[in-house]
Amino acid sequence: MEVNIHEAKTHLSRLLQRVAAGEEVTIARAGVPVARLVAVKPKPNKVRPLGMDRGRIWIADDFDAPLPDDLLKAFYGGKLPPLEKPRRRKRR
């Protein structure tokens, strides 16, 4: 099936339904084919088995420990920002 660009823009949903059903659609400009709509083959699901990297990955016990001040200063341009006090909620 061949359609012009205007028709393709106007009826894109319908054309995609036809493509999903196995049809191939060619889009033409002034009768010259410029694009082809074809169905995409679904990718197979790659199921990774649990534990496939066991023994290859190591996480330090202190991976979530606070950073040293000198490293924090590097993130903040050489000066640590003041610590914010937690805001207290007003009682009603």
PDB file of N, CA and C in Angstrom:
ATOM      1  N   MET A   1       0.845  -1.171   0.000  1.00  0.00           N
ATOM      2  CA  MET A   1       0.000   0.000   0.000  1.00  0.00           C
ATOM      3  C   MET A   1       0.893   1.237   0.000  1.00  0.00           C
ATOM      4  N   GLU A   2       0.549   2.243  -0.785  1.00  0.00           N
ATOM      5  CA  GLU A   2       1.311   3.486  -0.838  1.00  0.00           C
ATOM      6  C   GLU A   2       0.376   4.656  -0.547  1.00  0.00           C
ATOM      7  N   VAL A   3       0.821   5.574   0.341  1.00  0.00           N
ATOM      8  CA  VAL A   3       0.033   6.754   0.686  1.00  0.00           C
ATOM      9  C   VAL A   3       0.936   7.976   0.611  1.00  0.00           C
ATOM     10  N   ASN A   4       0.304   9.141   0.423  1.00  0.00           N
ATOM     11  CA  ASN A   4       1.109  10.360   0.415  1.00  0.00           C
ATOM     12  C   ASN A   4       1.310  10.846   1.863  1.00  0.00           C
ATOM     13  N   ILE A   5       2.178  11.808   2.048  1.00  0.00           N
ATOM     14  CA  ILE A   5       2.539  12.269   3.388  1.00  0.00           C
ATOM     15  C   ILE A   5       1.324  12.832   4.127  1.00  0.00           C
ATOM     16  N   HIS A   6       0.517  13.625   3.461  1.00  0.00           N
ATOM     17  CA  HIS A   6      -0.658  14.202   4.101  1.00  0.00           C
ATOM     18  C   HIS A   6      -1.600  13.113   4.604  1.00  0.00           C
ATOM     19  N   GLU A   7      -1.847  12.134   3.786  1.00  0.00           N
ATOM     20  CA  GLU A   7      -2.725  11.033   4.179  1.00  0.00           C
ATOM     21  C   GLU A   7      -2.116  10.237   5.340  1.00  0.00           C
ATOM     22  N   ALA A   8      -0.800  10.068   5.324  1.00  0.00           N
ATOM     23  CA  ALA A   8      -0.132   9.336   6.397  1.00  0.00           C
ATOM     24  C   ALA A   8      -0.268  10.086   7.720  1.00  0.00           C
ATOM     25  N   LYS A   9      -0.118  11.412   7.687  1.00  0.00           N
ATOM     26  CA  LYS A   9      -0.268  12.206   8.910  1.00  0.00           C
ATOM     27  C   LYS A   9      -1.707  12.165   9.404  1.00  0.00           C
ATOM     28  N   THR A  10      -2.652  12.234   8.479  1.00  0.00           N
ATOM     29  CA  THR A  10      -4.060  12.265   8.846  1.00  0.00           C
ATOM     30  C   THR A  10      -4.545  10.929   9.407  1.00  0.00           C
ATOM     31  N   HIS A  11      -4.059   9.829   8.845  1.00  0.00           N
ATOM     32  CA  HIS A  11      -4.567   8.504   9.201  1.00  0.00           C
ATOM     33  C   HIS A  11      -3.478   7.607   9.797  1.00  0.00           C
ATOM     34  N   LEU A  12      -2.567   8.188  10.575  1.00  0.00           N
ATOM     35  CA  LEU A  12      -1.444   7.410  11.108  1.00  0.00           C
ATOM     36  C   LEU A  12      -1.917   6.227  11.956  1.00  0.00           C
ATOM     37  N   SER A  13      -2.906   6.434  12.802  1.00  0.00           N
ATOM     38  CA  SER A  13      -3.394   5.339  13.654  1.00  0.00           C
ATOM     39  C   SER A  13      -3.904   4.175  12.821  1.00  0.00           C
ATOM     40  N   ARG A  14      -4.663   4.473  11.794  1.00  0.00           N
ATOM     41  CA  ARG A  14      -5.189   3.409  10.934  1.00  0.00           C
ATOM     42  C   ARG A  14      -4.063   2.686  10.210  1.00  0.00           C
ATOM     43  N   LEU A  15      -3.086   3.462   9.744  1.00  0.00           N
ATOM     44  CA  LEU A  15      -1.960   2.845   9.039  1.00  0.00           C
ATOM     45  C   LEU A  15      -1.169   1.936   9.978  1.00  0.00           C
ATOM     46  N   LEU A  16      -0.991   2.356  11.217  1.00  0.00           N
ATOM     47  CA  LEU A  16      -0.263   1.535  12.169  1.00  0.00           C
ATOM     48  C   LEU A  16      -1.014   0.245  12.486  1.00  0.00           C
ATOM     49  N   GLN A  17      -2.335   0.307  12.499  1.00  0.00           N
ATOM     50  CA  GLN A  17      -3.123  -0.916  12.703  1.00  0.00           C
ATOM     51  C   GLN A  17      -2.897  -1.897  11.551  1.00  0.00           C
ATOM     52  N   ARG A  18      -2.856  -1.369  10.348  1.00  0.00           N
ATOM     53  CA  ARG A  18      -2.635  -2.235   9.185  1.00  0.00           C
ATOM     54  C   ARG A  18      -1.234  -2.826   9.213  1.00  0.00           C
ATOM     55  N   VAL A  19      -0.260  -1.998   9.628  1.00  0.00           N
ATOM     56  CA  VAL A  19       1.116  -2.491   9.719  1.00  0.00           C
ATOM     57  C   VAL A  19       1.212  -3.580  10.778  1.00  0.00           C
ATOM     58  N   ALA A  20       0.535  -3.383  11.909  1.00  0.00           N
ATOM     59  CA  ALA A  20       0.550  -4.391  12.974  1.00  0.00           C
ATOM     60  C   ALA A  20      -0.088  -5.694  12.503  1.00  0.00           C
ATOM     61  N   ALA A  21      -0.994  -5.605  11.553  1.00  0.00           N
ATOM     62  CA  ALA A  21      -1.644  -6.793  11.011  1.00  0.00           C
ATOM     63  C   ALA A  21      -0.782  -7.484   9.953  1.00  0.00           C
ATOM     64  N   GLY A  22       0.392  -6.922   9.658  1.00  0.00           N
ATOM     65  CA  GLY A  22       1.311  -7.569   8.724  1.00  0.00           C
ATOM     66  C   GLY A  22       1.470  -6.880   7.388  1.00  0.00           C
ATOM     67  N   GLU A  23       0.727  -5.814   7.161  1.00  0.00           N
ATOM     68  CA  GLU A  23       0.821  -5.105   5.883  1.00  0.00           C
ATOM     69  C   GLU A  23       2.012  -4.146   5.906  1.00  0.00           C
ATOM     70  N   GLU A  24       2.546  -3.826   4.749  1.00  0.00           N
ATOM     71  CA  GLU A  24       3.632  -2.865   4.632  1.00  0.00           C
ATOM     72  C   GLU A  24       3.090  -1.611   3.958  1.00  0.00           C
ATOM     73  N   VAL A  25       3.412  -0.435   4.503  1.00  0.00           N
ATOM     74  CA  VAL A  25       2.901   0.828   3.973  1.00  0.00           C
ATOM     75  C   VAL A  25       4.089   1.672   3.529  1.00  0.00           C
ATOM     76  N   THR A  26       4.014   2.175   2.291  1.00  0.00           N
ATOM     77  CA  THR A  26       5.040   3.070   1.763  1.00  0.00           C
ATOM     78  C   THR A  26       4.479   4.482   1.761  1.00  0.00           C
ATOM     79  N   ILE A  27       5.273   5.426   2.275  1.00  0.00           N
ATOM     80  CA  ILE A  27       4.864   6.833   2.293  1.00  0.00           C
ATOM     81  C   ILE A  27       5.642   7.548   1.197  1.00  0.00           C
ATOM     82  N   ALA A  28       4.892   8.280   0.369  1.00  0.00           N
ATOM     83  CA  ALA A  28       5.500   8.932  -0.783  1.00  0.00           C
ATOM     84  C   ALA A  28       5.272  10.436  -0.745  1.00  0.00           C
ATOM     85  N   ARG A  29       6.226  11.163  -1.317  1.00  0.00           N
ATOM     86  CA  ARG A  29       6.091  12.611  -1.500  1.00  0.00           C
ATOM     87  C   ARG A  29       6.105  12.859  -3.002  1.00  0.00           C
ATOM     88  N   ALA A  30       5.002  13.389  -3.492  1.00  0.00           N
ATOM     89  CA  ALA A  30       4.837  13.657  -4.932  1.00  0.00           C
ATOM     90  C   ALA A  30       5.063  12.385  -5.737  1.00  0.00           C
ATOM     91  N   GLY A  31       4.569  11.268  -5.208  1.00  0.00           N
ATOM     92  CA  GLY A  31       4.674   9.999  -5.926  1.00  0.00           C
ATOM     93  C   GLY A  31       6.008   9.296  -5.780  1.00  0.00           C
ATOM     94  N   VAL A  32       6.966   9.922  -5.092  1.00  0.00           N
ATOM     95  CA  VAL A  32       8.289   9.314  -4.906  1.00  0.00           C
ATOM     96  C   VAL A  32       8.357   8.725  -3.493  1.00  0.00           C
ATOM     97  N   PRO A  33       8.580   7.423  -3.360  1.00  0.00           N
ATOM     98  CA  PRO A  33       8.637   6.815  -2.034  1.00  0.00           C
ATOM     99  C   PRO A  33       9.773   7.410  -1.194  1.00  0.00           C
ATOM    100  N   VAL A  34       9.436   7.769   0.065  1.00  0.00           N
ATOM    101  CA  VAL A  34      10.454   8.346   0.961  1.00  0.00           C
ATOM    102  C   VAL A  34      10.591   7.555   2.263  1.00  0.00           C
ATOM    103  N   ALA A  35       9.588   6.754   2.622  1.00  0.00           N
ATOM    104  CA  ALA A  35       9.663   5.988   3.864  1.00  0.00           C
ATOM    105  C   ALA A  35       8.789   4.749   3.744  1.00  0.00           C
ATOM    106  N   ARG A  36       9.098   3.768   4.616  1.00  0.00           N
ATOM    107  CA  ARG A  36       8.321   2.537   4.621  1.00  0.00           C
ATOM    108  C   ARG A  36       7.971   2.196   6.063  1.00  0.00           C
ATOM    109  N   LEU A  37       6.691   1.944   6.319  1.00  0.00           N
ATOM    110  CA  LEU A  37       6.250   1.516   7.642  1.00  0.00           C
ATOM    111  C   LEU A  37       6.162   0.001   7.638  1.00  0.00           C
ATOM    112  N   VAL A  38       6.892  -0.606   8.559  1.00  0.00           N
ATOM    113  CA  VAL A  38       6.858  -2.059   8.692  1.00  0.00           C
ATOM    114  C   VAL A  38       6.736  -2.397  10.171  1.00  0.00           C
ATOM    115  N   ALA A  39       6.203  -3.554  10.468  1.00  0.00           N
ATOM    116  CA  ALA A  39       6.055  -3.981  11.855  1.00  0.00           C
ATOM    117  C   ALA A  39       7.429  -4.287  12.451  1.00  0.00           C
ATOM    118  N   VAL A  40       7.556  -3.997  13.721  1.00  0.00           N
ATOM    119  CA  VAL A  40       8.787  -4.277  14.452  1.00  0.00           C
ATOM    120  C   VAL A  40       8.651  -5.643  15.095  1.00  0.00           C
ATOM    121  N   LYS A  41       9.676  -6.450  14.933  1.00  0.00           N
ATOM    122  CA  LYS A  41       9.653  -7.767  15.569  1.00  0.00           C
ATOM    123  C   LYS A  41       9.940  -7.579  17.054  1.00  0.00           C
ATOM    124  N   PRO A  42       9.138  -8.181  17.908  1.00  0.00           N
ATOM    125  CA  PRO A  42       9.384  -8.018  19.341  1.00  0.00           C
ATOM    126  C   PRO A  42      10.700  -8.679  19.742  1.00  0.00           C
ATOM    127  N   LYS A  43      11.403  -8.007  20.647  1.00  0.00           N
ATOM    128  CA  LYS A  43      12.662  -8.558  21.142  1.00  0.00           C
ATOM    129  C   LYS A  43      12.349  -9.682  22.126  1.00  0.00           C
ATOM    130  N   PRO A  44      13.119 -10.741  22.075  1.00  0.00           N
ATOM    131  CA  PRO A  44      12.888 -11.809  23.051  1.00  0.00           C
ATOM    132  C   PRO A  44      13.276 -11.327  24.445  1.00  0.00           C
ATOM    133  N   ASN A  45      12.502 -11.745  25.434  1.00  0.00           N
ATOM    134  CA  ASN A  45      12.803 -11.361  26.812  1.00  0.00           C
ATOM    135  C   ASN A  45      14.053 -12.092  27.268  1.00  0.00           C
ATOM    136  N   LYS A  46      15.035 -11.310  27.672  1.00  0.00           N
ATOM    137  CA  LYS A  46      16.248 -11.906  28.214  1.00  0.00           C
ATOM    138  C   LYS A  46      16.059 -12.040  29.710  1.00  0.00           C
ATOM    139  N   VAL A  47      15.864 -13.232  30.146  1.00  0.00           N
ATOM    140  CA  VAL A  47      15.695 -13.473  31.571  1.00  0.00           C
ATOM    141  C   VAL A  47      17.069 -13.789  32.141  1.00  0.00           C
ATOM    142  N   ARG A  48      17.477 -12.946  33.071  1.00  0.00           N
ATOM    143  CA  ARG A  48      18.769 -13.176  33.707  1.00  0.00           C
ATOM    144  C   ARG A  48      18.565 -14.067  34.927  1.00  0.00           C
ATOM    145  N   PRO A  49      19.292 -15.147  34.996  1.00  0.00           N
ATOM    146  CA  PRO A  49      19.122 -16.040  36.139  1.00  0.00           C
ATOM    147  C   PRO A  49      19.600 -15.382  37.431  1.00  0.00           C
ATOM    148  N   LEU A  50      18.881 -15.660  38.506  1.00  0.00           N
ATOM    149  CA  LEU A  50      19.276 -15.108  39.799  1.00  0.00           C
ATOM    150  C   LEU A  50      20.633 -15.654  40.198  1.00  0.00           C
ATOM    151  N   GLY A  51      21.459 -14.769  40.736  1.00  0.00           N
ATOM    152  CA  GLY A  51      22.768 -15.182  41.231  1.00  0.00           C
ATOM    153  C   GLY A  51      23.820 -15.333  40.159  1.00  0.00           C
ATOM    154  N   MET A  52      23.571 -14.850  38.937  1.00  0.00           N
ATOM    155  CA  MET A  52      24.537 -15.053  37.866  1.00  0.00           C
ATOM    156  C   MET A  52      25.861 -14.320  38.105  1.00  0.00           C
ATOM    157  N   ASP A  53      25.852 -13.269  38.937  1.00  0.00           N
ATOM    158  CA  ASP A  53      27.092 -12.545  39.235  1.00  0.00           C
ATOM    159  C   ASP A  53      27.568 -12.785  40.665  1.00  0.00           C
ATOM    160  N   ARG A  54      27.087 -13.830  41.296  1.00  0.00           N
ATOM    161  CA  ARG A  54      27.480 -14.133  42.660  1.00  0.00           C
ATOM    162  C   ARG A  54      28.998 -14.310  42.711  1.00  0.00           C
ATOM    163  N   GLY A  55      29.603 -13.634  43.683  1.00  0.00           N
ATOM    164  CA  GLY A  55      31.050 -13.725  43.846  1.00  0.00           C
ATOM    165  C   GLY A  55      31.825 -12.736  42.993  1.00  0.00           C
ATOM    166  N   ARG A  56      31.170 -12.015  42.099  1.00  0.00           N
ATOM    167  CA  ARG A  56      31.847 -11.056  41.229  1.00  0.00           C
ATOM    168  C   ARG A  56      31.635  -9.619  41.693  1.00  0.00           C
ATOM    169  N   ILE A  57      30.666  -9.416  42.558  1.00  0.00           N
ATOM    170  CA  ILE A  57      30.339  -8.073  43.029  1.00  0.00           C
ATOM    171  C   ILE A  57      30.594  -8.008  44.520  1.00  0.00           C
ATOM    172  N   TRP A  58      31.170  -6.889  44.950  1.00  0.00           N
ATOM    173  CA  TRP A  58      31.461  -6.702  46.363  1.00  0.00           C
ATOM    174  C   TRP A  58      31.013  -5.300  46.758  1.00  0.00           C
ATOM    175  N   ILE A  59      30.312  -5.189  47.870  1.00  0.00           N
ATOM    176  CA  ILE A  59      29.869  -3.895  48.387  1.00  0.00           C
ATOM    177  C   ILE A  59      30.474  -3.714  49.764  1.00  0.00           C
ATOM    178  N   ALA A  60      31.153  -2.597  49.950  1.00  0.00           N
ATOM    179  CA  ALA A  60      31.806  -2.324  51.233  1.00  0.00           C
ATOM    180  C   ALA A  60      30.774  -2.183  52.339  1.00  0.00           C
ATOM    181  N   ASP A  61      31.175  -2.550  53.553  1.00  0.00           N
ATOM    182  CA  ASP A  61      30.266  -2.445  54.695  1.00  0.00           C
ATOM    183  C   ASP A  61      29.868  -1.000  54.966  1.00  0.00           C
ATOM    184  N   ASP A  62      30.758  -0.056  54.639  1.00  0.00           N
ATOM    185  CA  ASP A  62      30.482   1.357  54.926  1.00  0.00           C
ATOM    186  C   ASP A  62      30.102   2.138  53.661  1.00  0.00           C
ATOM    187  N   PHE A  63      29.492   1.492  52.681  1.00  0.00           N
ATOM    188  CA  PHE A  63      29.193   2.166  51.413  1.00  0.00           C
ATOM    189  C   PHE A  63      28.254   3.360  51.587  1.00  0.00           C
ATOM    190  N   ASP A  64      27.465   3.365  52.652  1.00  0.00           N
ATOM    191  CA  ASP A  64      26.539   4.471  52.861  1.00  0.00           C
ATOM    192  C   ASP A  64      26.969   5.381  54.011  1.00  0.00           C
ATOM    193  N   ALA A  65      28.224   5.291  54.392  1.00  0.00           N
ATOM    194  CA  ALA A  65      28.746   6.145  55.460  1.00  0.00           C
ATOM    195  C   ALA A  65      28.884   7.575  54.945  1.00  0.00           C
ATOM    196  N   PRO A  66      28.837   8.578  55.838  1.00  0.00           N
ATOM    197  CA  PRO A  66      29.007   9.972  55.401  1.00  0.00           C
ATOM    198  C   PRO A  66      30.372  10.178  54.750  1.00  0.00           C
ATOM    199  N   LEU A  67      30.398  11.071  53.777  1.00  0.00           N
ATOM    200  CA  LEU A  67      31.654  11.371  53.091  1.00  0.00           C
ATOM    201  C   LEU A  67      32.542  12.228  53.982  1.00  0.00           C
ATOM    202  N   PRO A  68      33.879  12.136  53.806  1.00  0.00           N
ATOM    203  CA  PRO A  68      34.777  12.998  54.574  1.00  0.00           C
ATOM    204  C   PRO A  68      34.589  14.459  54.180  1.00  0.00           C
ATOM    205  N   ASP A  69      34.911  15.364  55.119  1.00  0.00           N
ATOM    206  CA  ASP A  69      34.692  16.804  54.887  1.00  0.00           C
ATOM    207  C   ASP A  69      35.419  17.319  53.650  1.00  0.00           C
ATOM    208  N   ASP A  70      36.657  16.872  53.417  1.00  0.00           N
ATOM    209  CA  ASP A  70      37.396  17.387  52.260  1.00  0.00           C
ATOM    210  C   ASP A  70      36.703  17.019  50.940  1.00  0.00           C
ATOM    211  N   LEU A  71      36.108  15.841  50.872  1.00  0.00           N
ATOM    212  CA  LEU A  71      35.384  15.453  49.667  1.00  0.00           C
ATOM    213  C   LEU A  71      34.066  16.225  49.550  1.00  0.00           C
ATOM    214  N   LEU A  72      33.379  16.429  50.671  1.00  0.00           N
ATOM    215  CA  LEU A  72      32.152  17.222  50.648  1.00  0.00           C
ATOM    216  C   LEU A  72      32.435  18.650  50.213  1.00  0.00           C
ATOM    217  N   LYS A  73      33.551  19.214  50.677  1.00  0.00           N
ATOM    218  CA  LYS A  73      33.919  20.586  50.279  1.00  0.00           C
ATOM    219  C   LYS A  73      34.116  20.670  48.775  1.00  0.00           C
ATOM    220  N   ALA A  74      34.676  19.633  48.169  1.00  0.00           N
ATOM    221  CA  ALA A  74      34.887  19.628  46.718  1.00  0.00           C
ATOM    222  C   ALA A  74      33.543  19.692  45.984  1.00  0.00           C
ATOM    223  N   PHE A  75      32.513  19.041  46.522  1.00  0.00           N
ATOM    224  CA  PHE A  75      31.193  19.090  45.902  1.00  0.00           C
ATOM    225  C   PHE A  75      30.555  20.469  46.039  1.00  0.00           C
ATOM    226  N   TYR A  76      30.843  21.157  47.125  1.00  0.00           N
ATOM    227  CA  TYR A  76      30.209  22.449  47.407  1.00  0.00           C
ATOM    228  C   TYR A  76      31.111  23.632  47.100  1.00  0.00           C
ATOM    229  N   GLY A  77      32.111  23.459  46.283  1.00  0.00           N
ATOM    230  CA  GLY A  77      32.957  24.574  45.870  1.00  0.00           C
ATOM    231  C   GLY A  77      33.918  25.054  46.939  1.00  0.00           C
ATOM    232  N   GLY A  78      34.336  24.194  47.847  1.00  0.00           N
ATOM    233  CA  GLY A  78      35.356  24.547  48.829  1.00  0.00           C
ATOM    234  C   GLY A  78      34.832  24.941  50.186  1.00  0.00           C
ATOM    235  N   LYS A  79      33.534  25.056  50.350  1.00  0.00           N
ATOM    236  CA  LYS A  79      32.983  25.469  51.637  1.00  0.00           C
ATOM    237  C   LYS A  79      31.746  24.629  51.933  1.00  0.00           C
ATOM    238  N   LEU A  80      31.696  24.096  53.150  1.00  0.00           N
ATOM    239  CA  LEU A  80      30.542  23.288  53.523  1.00  0.00           C
ATOM    240  C   LEU A  80      29.357  24.185  53.837  1.00  0.00           C
ATOM    241  N   PRO A  81      28.174  23.824  53.372  1.00  0.00           N
ATOM    242  CA  PRO A  81      26.990  24.626  53.698  1.00  0.00           C
ATOM    243  C   PRO A  81      26.615  24.396  55.162  1.00  0.00           C
ATOM    244  N   PRO A  82      25.953  25.372  55.768  1.00  0.00           N
ATOM    245  CA  PRO A  82      25.537  25.172  57.153  1.00  0.00           C
ATOM    246  C   PRO A  82      24.484  24.068  57.242  1.00  0.00           C
ATOM    247  N   LEU A  83      24.533  23.324  58.321  1.00  0.00           N
ATOM    248  CA  LEU A  83      23.553  22.260  58.514  1.00  0.00           C
ATOM    249  C   LEU A  83      22.196  22.863  58.833  1.00  0.00           C
ATOM    250  N   GLU A  84      21.166  22.311  58.221  1.00  0.00           N
ATOM    251  CA  GLU A  84      19.818  22.799  58.488  1.00  0.00           C
ATOM    252  C   GLU A  84      19.240  22.041  59.667  1.00  0.00           C
ATOM    253  N   LYS A  85      18.571  22.782  60.538  1.00  0.00           N
ATOM    254  CA  LYS A  85      17.899  22.136  61.654  1.00  0.00           C
ATOM    255  C   LYS A  85      16.574  21.597  61.141  1.00  0.00           C
ATOM    256  N   PRO A  86      16.172  20.424  61.612  1.00  0.00           N
ATOM    257  CA  PRO A  86      14.883  19.898  61.168  1.00  0.00           C
ATOM    258  C   PRO A  86      13.756  20.823  61.595  1.00  0.00           C
ATOM    259  N   ARG A  87      12.839  21.040  60.707  1.00  0.00           N
ATOM    260  CA  ARG A  87      11.703  21.921  60.999  1.00  0.00           C
ATOM    261  C   ARG A  87      10.731  21.193  61.905  1.00  0.00           C
ATOM    262  N   ARG A  88      10.209  21.896  62.869  1.00  0.00           N
ATOM    263  CA  ARG A  88       9.232  21.320  63.769  1.00  0.00           C
ATOM    264  C   ARG A  88       7.841  21.573  63.200  1.00  0.00           C
ATOM    265  N   ARG A  89       7.019  20.587  63.316  1.00  0.00           N
ATOM    266  CA  ARG A  89       5.647  20.743  62.846  1.00  0.00           C
ATOM    267  C   ARG A  89       4.835  21.475  63.893  1.00  0.00           C
ATOM    268  N   LYS A  90       3.988  22.346  63.432  1.00  0.00           N
ATOM    269  CA  LYS A  90       3.114  23.084  64.347  1.00  0.00           C
ATOM    270  C   LYS A  90       1.994  22.180  64.829  1.00  0.00           C
ATOM    271  N   ARG A  91       1.713  22.279  66.104  1.00  0.00           N
ATOM    272  CA  ARG A  91       0.601  21.523  66.647  1.00  0.00           C
ATOM    273  C   ARG A  91      -0.684  22.267  66.405  1.00  0.00           C
ATOM    274  N   ARG A  92      -1.718  21.534  66.230  1.00  0.00           N
ATOM    275  CA  ARG A  92      -3.025  22.164  66.007  1.00  0.00           C
ATOM    276  C   ARG A  92      -3.849  22.111  67.243  1.00  0.00           C
TER     277      ARG A  92
END
